[in-house]
Amino acid sequence: MRVLVQNFIGETRAVALGTDDVPLELFIWRDRKIDPASRCGDRLNAILRHIDKGQGLAFLELQTGEEAVFNLATGRTPPEVGARMVVQVRAEAQGDKLAIVKPVEAEVLLPSGITAFDDWIGNLGIATSSVETISLSEENELDAAFETAFASSVTLSGGGVLRIDRTRALTAVDVDTTGRDRNKSGLSVNEAAVVDLANQIRLRRLSGLIVLDLAGAPKGQKAQNLRDLMLGELQTADIRGAKVLAPSALGLMELSLKRTVRPLLEFDPMQCGPQRRKLEIFAEFLRAFERAAVNHRTSTCKATISMEMKHILDGQTFDWMAELSRKYGSRFDLDIEVSQTNPFEIRAVE
């Protein structure tokens, strides 16, 4: 296994590559001024705002301004509304789902990007000598890995396609046998789908309820074998605590995975939830502007932006222009185009 990493202004992105440079896992870290959302492992100040005794839930406001929730302990007197406490994030917010936290007797702690990256490398079990920092100048295996994680379909070994669609309630996965050639793979199409889905769960950070619509409706021992294969592949992918049911009479295999980190789609401006769209557009803009500066070291980099983009930039607390100028010199320019529909277009001017 090897790791490729890119260090943009305000953002670090990395990919762990396995055999034949297949992407296994992705890492992304943002400066907290760009993305103030709480993250797994953070310890934050919080104020208890509401208790729902019927559901056994307590709702809090975090120091980030986010709302979070924790389960009340059965048989114990809940804290008073308005109580202040320190909580640790167990699951990040995603979509309309709140962050899940737990009260702790500890000091506030917001790990740095360096700490988060070192922890990620440690969890992968690889040496720092296997980490390679790559240039920002051109598209590479890291960009390709993110594109794979954002794509709605994956080609199966031996042909066929796995189509992955996220809905509000679950992630639906369909096995399309078009173009399948059994001679190109020792696995059946359903076995290939199970193996590849386990890999995609890890790469895309999928969680919650996942339903796999298999080809046909395997029954008896074949159905049980597919369930066992899925459990084994998830374990190989270091995904713990998954619940997997054998395929139903209609050929549907159901999986339930514990929610922890934000799914990768939440970092795609085209597919993220509405509450993250402005953030992701800004992050994409900043990467593109910096990449233009690297590719055109003696040119002025000019961005033509829409009015929407102007409002996004005006709302930033992160001093992105100062950071770009400090690193690459004062050769960045903005031009507002009222009629422009794309958020931004960047070009080099000699």
Foldseek 3Di string as FASTA:
>chain_A
DFKEWEDFVQKIKMFDADPVRHTQAIDMDGDCLLPVFDAAFFKFKWFFADADVVQQKTWIQTPSRFIEIEGHDPPDDDDDHGDIFIWGFFFTDAFPRHTYIGTDDDDGDDDDPVVVVVVVCVVVVDDPVRYHYDDLQDDDSRNVLLVVLQDQWDAFQQGWIWGWDDDPQEIEIETGRPPHDCVRDVDDSLLRNLLVVLSSCRHQVDAAKYKYQGDAFDDDPVQVVSQVSNVVSNVVSVFPDKDWDGADRRRIIMIHGDHHYYTSLCLPLVRGHPVCNLSNVVVVVSSVQLNQCVNCLPWAKEKEFEPVLVVSVVPRPDPSQVVSCVVRNNRYYYHYDHPDDDGIDMDTDD
